[in-house]
Amino acid sequence: MTNDALPAEIDGFLQRLFPLTRSLTGDGNRETLRVLQEIAPIELNEYSSGVPVYDWVIPDEWSIRDAYIKGPDGERLVDFKVSNLHVVSYSEPVHEQMTFDVLAPRLHVLHQNPDVIPYRTSYYSRDWGFCVTGKQHELLSNVEGLLEVCIDTEFNPAGSMTIGSLCVPGLSDEEYLVSTYCCHPSMANDNLSGLIVTALLAREMVSRDKPNKSWRFIFVPETIGSIAYLCHNEAVMKKMSGGLVATTCGGPGLFGYKETYMGNHLVDRAIQLAFRDRGITPLYYPFVPDGSDERQYSSPAFRIPVATITRDKYYEYSEYHTSSDNLEFVSGRQIAETLNIYRDVLRILDQNAYYCSEATHGEVQLGRRGLYPDIGGAVNQSGALAGAEQAVQELNAITWLMFLADSEHDLLTVAERSGITFSELLRVVKKLIDHQLLDFVTD
């Protein structure tokens, strides 16, 4: 796919997914995952409502058909069909006539930003409400007479919660996780960006040769979804080596990196190396047991080291959890740039390995193998070997690789210590293996 084609493809999926009404459960989630199945062969599973998952219970399935606030003349002053953010997610049904004073406690508004609709939920306590702009709030407050208030919703205790997953078996049983969440309605950075990035990563993993490690891609409603997935897949998840939560990675701002709970895990080092190799210094966020589903995956029974790569991280941008987190704030190009960082991290984790040298007694003789520049003695002199920069870089990589190929240093460590990019080291490793100078260390 060309550099221009990928952002255009992402923009197309953004346009299709943005209007869908996602929540903890319901057809909006199913339709979202069906669209993502066009990118990767994601398997859909249903977890029945009412079933305990550790300290939680799968909620009743929630569906919404319509919602509005009408003035005395019948005009819709607030309309769910204009924006699905207008209704507090998981609102109970209501259809009543009431004055503004009675309605007012049910209205959520950001007076400091009168043009935006806030995002609010009432997942685990039965309630109802509307989210309105400051201008709508003022308009409603000036209505004389009764307002018609309608929220046409339904709770189904025989329903279910939909999750998506894709498992890609590798050459080894060592397994890594990439998780994202699908419970937010019309907001683009939080978290259509994470959904699309995860689906594209899954597509790449299944379309290439069999990976070295095994990979598990998960699409769940935040919190309850990851907890339910852990409960239903406990044995496998307790063996997970590490992972990533893809969220808020499509904004126009700076890249960020939230570390794993360990802080110095292989996942952390892979992320740091990926940024270094691209010449990017991200904003750094130390681990706290808050944020997204990393706190579920890293909980005491599982302790999966999970990190996050962001671009305009949740909590950090003014558009967060409002109608301003829209398709003007997020673009396919921005998501594609973040996708490249995630790609690099997955490649580093998947292709990282230990090697042993086949020539450990002093330096190996490279010249007779055609691996040493034709003219020696000037490698470190300024201006020397004009036009042979690639040969010098390759020689530097060979020197580091052969020196550290003692079965104790993995390729990531060589990249860290040498300053050479992981991709360049990987290329040279293959050449050295072809010359029978290096070999894989197998378990």
Protein backbone atom coordinates (compact mmCIF):
# COMPACT_ATOMS: atom_id res chain seq x y z
CA MET A 1 0.00 0.00 0.00
CA THR A 2 1.38 3.41 -0.96
CA ASN A 3 2.05 6.17 1.55
CA ASP A 4 -1.03 8.06 0.32
CA ALA A 5 -3.33 5.03 0.16
CA LEU A 6 -3.17 4.11 3.86
CA PRO A 7 -4.31 7.51 5.24
CA ALA A 8 -7.10 7.53 2.66
CA GLU A 9 -8.17 4.03 3.70
CA ILE A 10 -8.18 5.07 7.36
CA ASP A 11 -10.22 8.19 6.55
CA GLY A 12 -12.79 5.98 4.88
CA PHE A 13 -13.17 3.81 7.97
CA LEU A 14 -13.35 6.89 10.21
CA GLN A 15 -16.26 8.23 8.17
CA ARG A 16 -18.14 4.93 8.41
CA LEU A 17 -17.48 4.22 12.08
CA PHE A 18 -17.88 7.70 13.55
CA PRO A 19 -21.73 7.89 13.51
CA LEU A 20 -22.30 4.48 15.15
CA THR A 21 -23.73 4.45 18.68
CA ARG A 22 -21.31 2.40 20.74
CA SER A 23 -21.70 1.63 24.43
CA LEU A 24 -20.96 -1.30 26.74
CA THR A 25 -23.33 -3.47 24.73
CA GLY A 26 -25.64 -3.31 21.76
CA ASP A 27 -25.85 -3.35 18.00
CA GLY A 28 -23.59 -0.31 17.61
CA ASN A 29 -20.71 -2.35 18.97
CA ARG A 30 -21.56 -5.31 16.76
CA GLU A 31 -21.76 -3.13 13.65
CA THR A 32 -18.43 -1.49 14.56
CA LEU A 33 -16.73 -4.87 14.84
CA ARG A 34 -18.34 -6.07 11.59
CA VAL A 35 -16.85 -3.07 9.78
CA LEU A 36 -13.46 -3.83 11.33
CA GLN A 37 -13.80 -7.41 10.04
CA GLU A 38 -13.28 -5.89 6.58
CA ILE A 39 -9.74 -5.05 7.76
CA ALA A 40 -8.87 -8.24 9.66
CA PRO A 41 -10.60 -11.60 10.33
CA ILE A 42 -11.79 -10.68 13.82
CA GLU A 43 -13.89 -13.30 15.61
CA LEU A 44 -16.98 -12.03 17.46
CA ASN A 45 -18.05 -13.59 20.75
CA GLU A 46 -21.04 -12.86 22.96
CA TYR A 47 -20.83 -12.85 26.77
CA SER A 48 -24.30 -13.28 28.25
CA SER A 49 -25.83 -10.56 30.42
CA GLY A 50 -26.17 -11.37 34.09
CA VAL A 51 -23.10 -13.64 34.22
CA PRO A 52 -20.59 -12.84 36.99
CA VAL A 53 -17.02 -12.09 35.90
CA TYR A 54 -14.86 -11.87 39.01
CA ASP A 55 -16.28 -8.97 41.09
CA TRP A 56 -18.44 -7.69 38.22
CA VAL A 57 -21.55 -8.81 36.31
CA ILE A 58 -22.11 -8.53 32.56
CA PRO A 59 -24.76 -5.79 32.28
CA ASP A 60 -28.11 -6.04 30.58
CA GLU A 61 -27.87 -5.26 26.88
CA TRP A 62 -28.83 -1.64 26.20
CA SER A 63 -30.39 -0.40 22.98
CA ILE A 64 -31.58 3.06 21.98
CA ARG A 65 -33.97 3.93 19.18
CA ASP A 66 -34.52 7.65 19.63
CA ALA A 67 -34.32 10.53 22.09
CA TYR A 68 -35.27 14.19 22.02
CA ILE A 69 -36.41 17.24 23.92
CA LYS A 70 -39.23 19.08 22.16
CA GLY A 71 -40.53 22.58 22.75
CA PRO A 72 -44.24 23.37 23.10
CA ASP A 73 -44.46 23.82 19.31
CA GLY A 74 -43.14 20.30 18.68
CA GLU A 75 -39.72 21.39 17.45
CA ARG A 76 -36.81 19.15 18.51
CA LEU A 77 -34.50 21.39 20.50
CA VAL A 78 -32.20 18.46 21.39
CA ASP A 79 -32.07 15.50 19.01
CA PHE A 80 -30.27 12.18 19.43
CA LYS A 81 -30.42 11.73 15.65
CA VAL A 82 -28.24 14.81 15.23
CA SER A 83 -25.64 13.58 17.76
CA ASN A 84 -25.64 10.36 19.74
CA LEU A 85 -23.64 12.17 22.45
CA HIS A 86 -26.85 13.98 23.45
CA VAL A 87 -28.01 11.02 25.56
CA VAL A 88 -26.24 9.81 28.69
CA SER A 89 -25.13 6.31 27.74
CA TYR A 90 -27.23 3.57 29.38
CA SER A 91 -30.06 6.00 30.15
CA GLU A 92 -33.35 4.54 31.33
CA PRO A 93 -36.43 5.09 29.14
CA VAL A 94 -38.53 8.17 29.83
CA HIS A 95 -41.38 9.95 28.05
CA GLU A 96 -42.85 12.82 30.04
CA GLN A 97 -43.92 16.43 29.89
CA MET A 98 -42.00 18.63 32.33
CA THR A 99 -40.86 22.17 32.97
CA PHE A 100 -37.28 23.24 32.50
CA ASP A 101 -36.78 23.47 36.28
CA VAL A 102 -37.67 19.78 36.63
CA LEU A 103 -35.49 18.82 33.66
CA ALA A 104 -32.48 20.96 34.57
CA PRO A 105 -30.81 18.48 37.03
CA ARG A 106 -30.82 15.92 34.20
CA LEU A 107 -28.90 18.19 31.81
CA HIS A 108 -25.11 17.99 31.48
CA VAL A 109 -23.43 21.04 30.01
CA LEU A 110 -20.00 22.66 29.76
CA HIS A 111 -20.79 26.32 30.30
CA GLN A 112 -17.14 27.29 29.78
CA ASN A 113 -17.35 25.88 26.24
CA PRO A 114 -20.90 26.56 25.03
CA ASP A 115 -20.45 25.06 21.54
CA VAL A 116 -19.64 21.47 22.54
CA ILE A 117 -21.62 18.49 23.79
CA PRO A 118 -20.05 16.65 26.75
CA TYR A 119 -19.93 12.85 26.93
CA ARG A 120 -21.45 11.20 30.00
CA THR A 121 -22.39 7.65 31.02
CA SER A 122 -24.53 5.94 33.65
CA TYR A 123 -23.40 2.35 33.18
CA TYR A 124 -23.85 0.82 36.60
CA SER A 125 -26.67 2.84 38.19
CA ARG A 126 -30.06 3.25 36.56
CA ASP A 127 -30.52 6.89 35.66
CA TRP A 128 -31.17 9.06 32.64
CA GLY A 129 -30.05 12.38 31.27
CA PHE A 130 -29.16 14.54 28.30
CA CYS A 131 -25.89 16.20 27.29
CA VAL A 132 -26.34 19.59 25.65
CA THR A 133 -24.35 22.53 24.44
CA GLY A 134 -24.36 25.76 26.43
CA LYS A 135 -26.45 27.35 23.71
CA GLN A 136 -29.04 24.57 23.88
CA HIS A 137 -29.13 24.86 27.66
CA GLU A 138 -29.86 28.57 27.41
CA LEU A 139 -32.53 27.97 24.77
CA LEU A 140 -34.25 25.35 26.93
CA SER A 141 -34.12 27.60 29.99
CA ASN A 142 -36.07 30.28 28.12
CA VAL A 143 -38.88 27.97 27.02
CA GLU A 144 -42.25 28.90 28.51
CA GLY A 145 -44.49 25.96 29.16
CA LEU A 146 -43.84 22.23 29.15
CA LEU A 147 -41.07 20.38 27.37
CA GLU A 148 -41.63 16.93 25.90
CA VAL A 149 -38.78 14.69 27.05
CA CYS A 150 -38.30 11.29 25.42
CA ILE A 151 -35.58 8.66 25.69
CA ASP A 152 -36.62 5.51 23.85
CA THR A 153 -34.31 2.84 25.27
CA GLU A 154 -34.54 -0.78 26.35
CA PHE A 155 -32.63 -3.06 28.73
CA ASN A 156 -32.51 -6.74 27.83
CA PRO A 157 -31.45 -9.10 30.66
CA ALA A 158 -31.33 -11.93 28.11
CA GLY A 159 -28.90 -9.98 25.94
CA SER A 160 -25.13 -10.02 25.77
CA MET A 161 -21.91 -8.04 25.49
CA THR A 162 -19.99 -8.38 22.23
CA ILE A 163 -16.21 -8.66 22.12
CA GLY A 164 -13.82 -9.22 19.21
CA SER A 165 -10.57 -11.14 19.16
CA LEU A 166 -7.99 -12.47 16.76
CA CYS A 167 -5.26 -14.91 17.76
CA VAL A 168 -2.26 -15.30 15.48
CA PRO A 169 -0.15 -18.32 16.48
CA GLY A 170 3.60 -17.92 16.07
CA LEU A 171 6.64 -20.15 15.91
CA SER A 172 6.89 -19.99 19.71
CA ASP A 173 4.36 -20.05 22.54
CA GLU A 174 5.59 -16.69 23.84
CA GLU A 175 2.55 -14.46 23.39
CA TYR A 176 1.88 -10.73 23.32
CA LEU A 177 -1.35 -8.76 23.56
CA VAL A 178 -2.71 -5.72 21.70
CA SER A 179 -6.00 -4.51 23.18
CA THR A 180 -8.35 -1.65 22.42
CA TYR A 181 -11.87 -0.61 23.43
CA CYS A 182 -15.08 -0.17 21.46
CA CYS A 183 -17.52 1.44 23.92
CA HIS A 184 -17.32 5.15 23.03
CA PRO A 185 -19.85 6.69 20.61
CA SER A 186 -19.03 9.52 18.20
CA MET A 187 -15.53 10.47 19.34
CA ALA A 188 -12.63 9.98 16.98
CA ASN A 189 -9.46 10.07 19.05
CA ASP A 190 -11.11 8.31 22.00
CA ASN A 191 -11.29 5.77 20.59
CA LEU A 192 -11.84 5.16 16.90
CA SER A 193 -8.12 5.77 16.49
CA GLY A 194 -7.26 2.81 18.74
CA LEU A 195 -9.80 0.52 17.07
CA ILE A 196 -8.45 1.22 13.59
CA VAL A 197 -4.79 0.97 14.64
CA THR A 198 -5.41 -2.40 16.32
CA ALA A 199 -7.32 -3.77 13.33
CA LEU A 200 -4.57 -2.67 10.92
CA LEU A 201 -1.88 -4.21 13.11
CA ALA A 202 -3.87 -7.45 13.16
CA ARG A 203 -4.18 -7.37 9.36
CA GLU A 204 -0.45 -7.01 8.94
CA MET A 205 0.27 -9.83 11.37
CA VAL A 206 -2.00 -12.31 9.58
CA SER A 207 -0.86 -11.29 6.08
CA ARG A 208 2.86 -11.87 6.65
CA ASP A 209 4.86 -15.04 7.18
CA LYS A 210 4.18 -16.83 10.44
CA PRO A 211 5.42 -14.54 13.25
CA ASN A 212 8.11 -15.62 15.68
CA LYS A 213 5.90 -14.88 18.71
CA SER A 214 2.17 -15.48 19.11
CA TRP A 215 -0.12 -12.43 19.05
CA ARG A 216 -3.58 -11.79 20.48
CA PHE A 217 -5.67 -8.79 19.35
CA ILE A 218 -8.64 -7.89 21.55
CA PHE A 219 -11.55 -5.46 20.96
CA VAL A 220 -13.64 -4.99 24.12
CA PRO A 221 -15.78 -2.45 25.95
CA GLU A 222 -13.48 -0.68 28.39
CA THR A 223 -13.14 -2.08 31.94
CA ILE A 224 -16.02 -4.60 31.97
CA GLY A 225 -14.91 -6.02 28.62
CA SER A 226 -11.28 -6.60 29.57
CA ILE A 227 -12.33 -8.02 32.95
CA ALA A 228 -14.74 -10.40 31.23
CA TYR A 229 -12.11 -11.42 28.70
CA LEU A 230 -9.62 -12.14 31.48
CA CYS A 231 -12.25 -14.22 33.28
CA HIS A 232 -13.15 -16.23 30.18
CA ASN A 233 -9.50 -16.73 29.14
CA GLU A 234 -7.76 -16.82 32.50
CA ALA A 235 -5.22 -19.59 31.88
CA VAL A 236 -3.99 -18.13 28.60
CA MET A 237 -3.88 -14.54 29.89
CA LYS A 238 -1.81 -15.51 32.92
CA LYS A 239 0.92 -16.67 30.52
CA MET A 240 0.97 -13.44 28.49
CA SER A 241 4.47 -11.94 28.10
CA GLY A 242 3.41 -8.32 27.69
CA GLY A 243 1.23 -6.05 25.66
CA LEU A 244 -0.10 -2.73 24.46
CA VAL A 245 -3.39 -0.87 24.87
CA ALA A 246 -4.10 1.22 21.78
CA THR A 247 -5.99 4.38 22.71
CA THR A 248 -6.13 8.08 21.81
CA CYS A 249 -3.51 7.78 19.09
CA GLY A 250 -4.93 9.92 16.29
CA GLY A 251 -4.73 13.55 17.42
CA PRO A 252 -2.60 16.31 15.86
CA GLY A 253 -0.39 16.77 18.94
CA LEU A 254 2.73 15.19 20.35
CA PHE A 255 3.36 11.48 20.66
CA GLY A 256 3.24 10.07 24.18
CA TYR A 257 4.23 6.87 25.91
CA LYS A 258 2.76 5.53 29.14
CA GLU A 259 5.07 2.92 30.62
CA THR A 260 4.18 -0.54 31.91
CA TYR A 261 3.75 -1.06 35.64
CA MET A 262 7.31 -2.45 35.66
CA GLY A 263 8.79 0.54 33.86
CA ASN A 264 11.78 -1.31 32.42
CA HIS A 265 10.13 -4.30 30.79
CA LEU A 266 10.99 -5.46 27.29
CA VAL A 267 7.82 -3.70 26.07
CA ASP A 268 9.07 -0.40 27.52
CA ARG A 269 12.46 -0.84 25.93
CA ALA A 270 10.94 -1.73 22.56
CA ILE A 271 8.83 1.44 22.63
CA GLN A 272 11.77 3.60 23.62
CA LEU A 273 13.88 2.08 20.85
CA ALA A 274 11.12 2.55 18.25
CA PHE A 275 10.90 6.25 19.08
CA ARG A 276 14.67 6.62 19.17
CA ASP A 277 15.10 5.01 15.76
CA ARG A 278 12.61 7.47 14.28
CA GLY A 279 14.24 10.47 15.97
CA ILE A 280 11.15 11.23 18.08
CA THR A 281 11.17 12.20 21.76
CA PRO A 282 7.70 11.39 23.11
CA LEU A 283 5.97 12.79 26.14
CA TYR A 284 6.60 10.39 28.99
CA TYR A 285 3.87 9.22 31.35
CA PRO A 286 4.86 7.05 34.33
CA PHE A 287 2.57 4.17 35.15
CA VAL A 288 -0.38 4.87 37.43
CA PRO A 289 -3.24 2.40 38.07
CA ASP A 290 -5.62 4.64 36.15
CA GLY A 291 -6.41 5.33 32.53
CA SER A 292 -7.45 2.45 30.33
CA ASP A 293 -7.40 -1.34 30.49
CA GLU A 294 -3.74 -1.64 31.43
CA ARG A 295 -4.92 -1.62 35.05
CA GLN A 296 -7.00 -4.74 34.40
CA TYR A 297 -4.33 -6.66 32.51
CA SER A 298 -1.68 -5.70 35.06
CA SER A 299 -3.84 -6.52 38.09
CA PRO A 300 -2.26 -8.79 40.76
CA ALA A 301 -3.57 -12.11 39.40
CA PHE A 302 -2.20 -11.43 35.90
CA ARG A 303 0.59 -8.83 36.06
CA ILE A 304 0.85 -8.43 32.29
CA PRO A 305 3.24 -5.53 31.58
CA VAL A 306 1.12 -3.32 29.31
CA ALA A 307 2.09 0.07 27.85
CA THR A 308 0.34 2.65 25.67
CA ILE A 309 1.52 4.81 22.76
CA THR A 310 -0.63 7.91 22.35
CA ARG A 311 -1.01 11.04 20.30
CA ASP A 312 -3.01 13.53 22.34
CA LYS A 313 -3.43 11.26 25.34
CA TYR A 314 -6.73 10.93 27.20
CA TYR A 315 -7.22 13.64 29.86
CA GLU A 316 -4.55 15.76 28.13
CA TYR A 317 -6.45 17.54 25.36
CA SER A 318 -9.33 19.98 25.64
CA GLU A 319 -11.50 18.11 23.13
CA TYR A 320 -11.44 14.98 25.30
CA HIS A 321 -14.89 13.46 26.02
CA THR A 322 -16.71 16.10 24.00
CA SER A 323 -18.20 16.46 20.54
CA SER A 324 -15.03 18.33 19.53
CA ASP A 325 -13.20 14.99 19.45
CA ASN A 326 -14.37 14.68 15.87
CA LEU A 327 -13.16 14.08 12.33
CA GLU A 328 -11.67 17.58 12.18
CA PHE A 329 -9.46 16.75 15.18
CA VAL A 330 -8.37 13.31 13.92
CA SER A 331 -7.18 12.34 10.44
CA GLY A 332 -6.05 9.25 8.60
CA ARG A 333 -2.59 10.73 8.17
CA GLN A 334 -2.19 11.28 11.92
CA ILE A 335 -3.37 7.76 12.73
CA ALA A 336 -1.05 6.32 10.07
CA GLU A 337 1.93 8.08 11.67
CA THR A 338 1.09 6.55 15.06
CA LEU A 339 0.47 3.19 13.41
CA ASN A 340 4.08 3.27 12.18
CA ILE A 341 5.34 3.48 15.79
CA TYR A 342 3.13 0.57 16.84
CA ARG A 343 4.35 -1.41 13.82
CA ASP A 344 7.95 -0.83 14.85
CA VAL A 345 7.26 -1.96 18.41
CA LEU A 346 5.54 -5.15 17.26
CA ARG A 347 8.40 -5.89 14.89
CA ILE A 348 10.99 -5.37 17.63
CA LEU A 349 9.12 -7.60 20.08
CA ASP A 350 8.43 -10.25 17.46
CA GLN A 351 11.89 -10.40 15.93
CA ASN A 352 13.98 -9.79 19.01
CA ALA A 353 16.20 -12.81 19.67
CA TYR A 354 19.45 -13.99 21.17
CA TYR A 355 22.33 -15.02 18.95
CA CYS A 356 25.57 -16.90 19.41
CA SER A 357 28.76 -16.31 17.44
CA GLU A 358 30.34 -19.11 15.47
CA ALA A 359 33.74 -17.42 15.87
CA THR A 360 34.33 -16.48 19.50
CA HIS A 361 38.15 -16.51 19.71
CA GLY A 362 39.06 -12.95 18.78
CA GLU A 363 37.69 -11.06 15.82
CA VAL A 364 36.47 -12.97 12.81
CA GLN A 365 38.30 -12.40 9.53
CA LEU A 366 35.77 -10.45 7.50
CA GLY A 367 37.82 -9.60 4.43
CA ARG A 368 37.89 -13.07 2.93
CA ARG A 369 34.11 -13.19 3.23
CA GLY A 370 33.66 -9.87 1.45
CA LEU A 371 32.34 -8.20 4.61
CA TYR A 372 35.15 -5.64 5.10
CA PRO A 373 35.73 -2.43 3.08
CA ASP A 374 38.37 -2.89 0.40
CA ILE A 375 40.63 -0.11 1.80
CA GLY A 376 41.40 -0.41 5.49
CA GLY A 377 42.82 2.04 8.01
CA ALA A 378 40.58 5.01 7.27
CA VAL A 379 37.26 3.91 8.69
CA ASN A 380 37.12 6.54 11.46
CA GLN A 381 38.76 9.41 9.55
CA SER A 382 36.65 12.39 8.59
CA GLY A 383 35.87 12.40 4.89
CA ALA A 384 37.39 8.98 4.32
CA LEU A 385 35.68 6.32 2.29
CA ALA A 386 33.62 8.88 0.43
CA GLY A 387 30.56 7.22 -1.06
CA ALA A 388 30.95 4.19 1.21
CA GLU A 389 28.91 5.35 4.19
CA GLN A 390 26.68 2.31 3.97
CA ALA A 391 29.71 0.01 4.10
CA VAL A 392 30.99 1.78 7.20
CA GLN A 393 27.59 1.55 8.91
CA GLU A 394 27.38 -2.13 8.07
CA LEU A 395 30.86 -2.77 9.43
CA ASN A 396 29.88 -1.02 12.66
CA ALA A 397 26.81 -3.23 12.93
CA ILE A 398 28.84 -6.36 12.24
CA THR A 399 31.38 -5.41 14.90
CA TRP A 400 28.71 -4.87 17.58
CA LEU A 401 26.77 -7.99 16.66
CA MET A 402 29.78 -10.27 16.66
CA PHE A 403 31.05 -8.81 19.93
CA LEU A 404 27.76 -9.22 21.81
CA ALA A 405 26.68 -12.51 20.23
CA ASP A 406 27.38 -14.51 23.36
CA SER A 407 23.87 -15.90 24.00
CA GLU A 408 23.52 -13.35 26.82
CA HIS A 409 22.60 -10.20 24.84
CA ASP A 410 19.47 -9.98 22.72
CA LEU A 411 19.17 -7.88 19.57
CA LEU A 412 17.30 -5.14 21.42
CA THR A 413 20.25 -4.76 23.80
CA VAL A 414 22.66 -4.53 20.88
CA ALA A 415 20.52 -1.74 19.39
CA GLU A 416 20.43 0.12 22.70
CA ARG A 417 24.18 -0.09 23.29
CA SER A 418 25.33 0.54 19.74
CA GLY A 419 22.91 3.29 18.73
CA ILE A 420 22.25 1.39 15.51
CA THR A 421 18.61 1.02 14.43
CA PHE A 422 16.92 -2.29 15.08
CA SER A 423 15.99 -2.65 11.40
CA GLU A 424 19.63 -2.19 10.30
CA LEU A 425 20.84 -4.73 12.84
CA LEU A 426 18.19 -7.17 11.69
CA ARG A 427 19.32 -6.79 8.08
CA VAL A 428 22.95 -7.42 9.02
CA VAL A 429 22.03 -10.38 11.24
CA LYS A 430 20.50 -12.12 8.23
CA LYS A 431 23.71 -11.54 6.26
CA LEU A 432 25.86 -12.92 9.08
CA ILE A 433 23.65 -15.98 9.38
CA ASP A 434 24.02 -16.53 5.64
CA HIS A 435 27.81 -16.42 6.11
CA GLN A 436 27.50 -18.92 9.00
CA LEU A 437 28.94 -16.42 11.49
CA LEU A 438 25.84 -16.17 13.68
CA ASP A 439 23.17 -18.59 14.76
CA PHE A 440 19.93 -18.34 16.74
CA VAL A 441 19.92 -19.32 20.37
CA THR A 442 17.02 -21.73 20.81
CA ASP A 443 15.39 -22.63 24.10
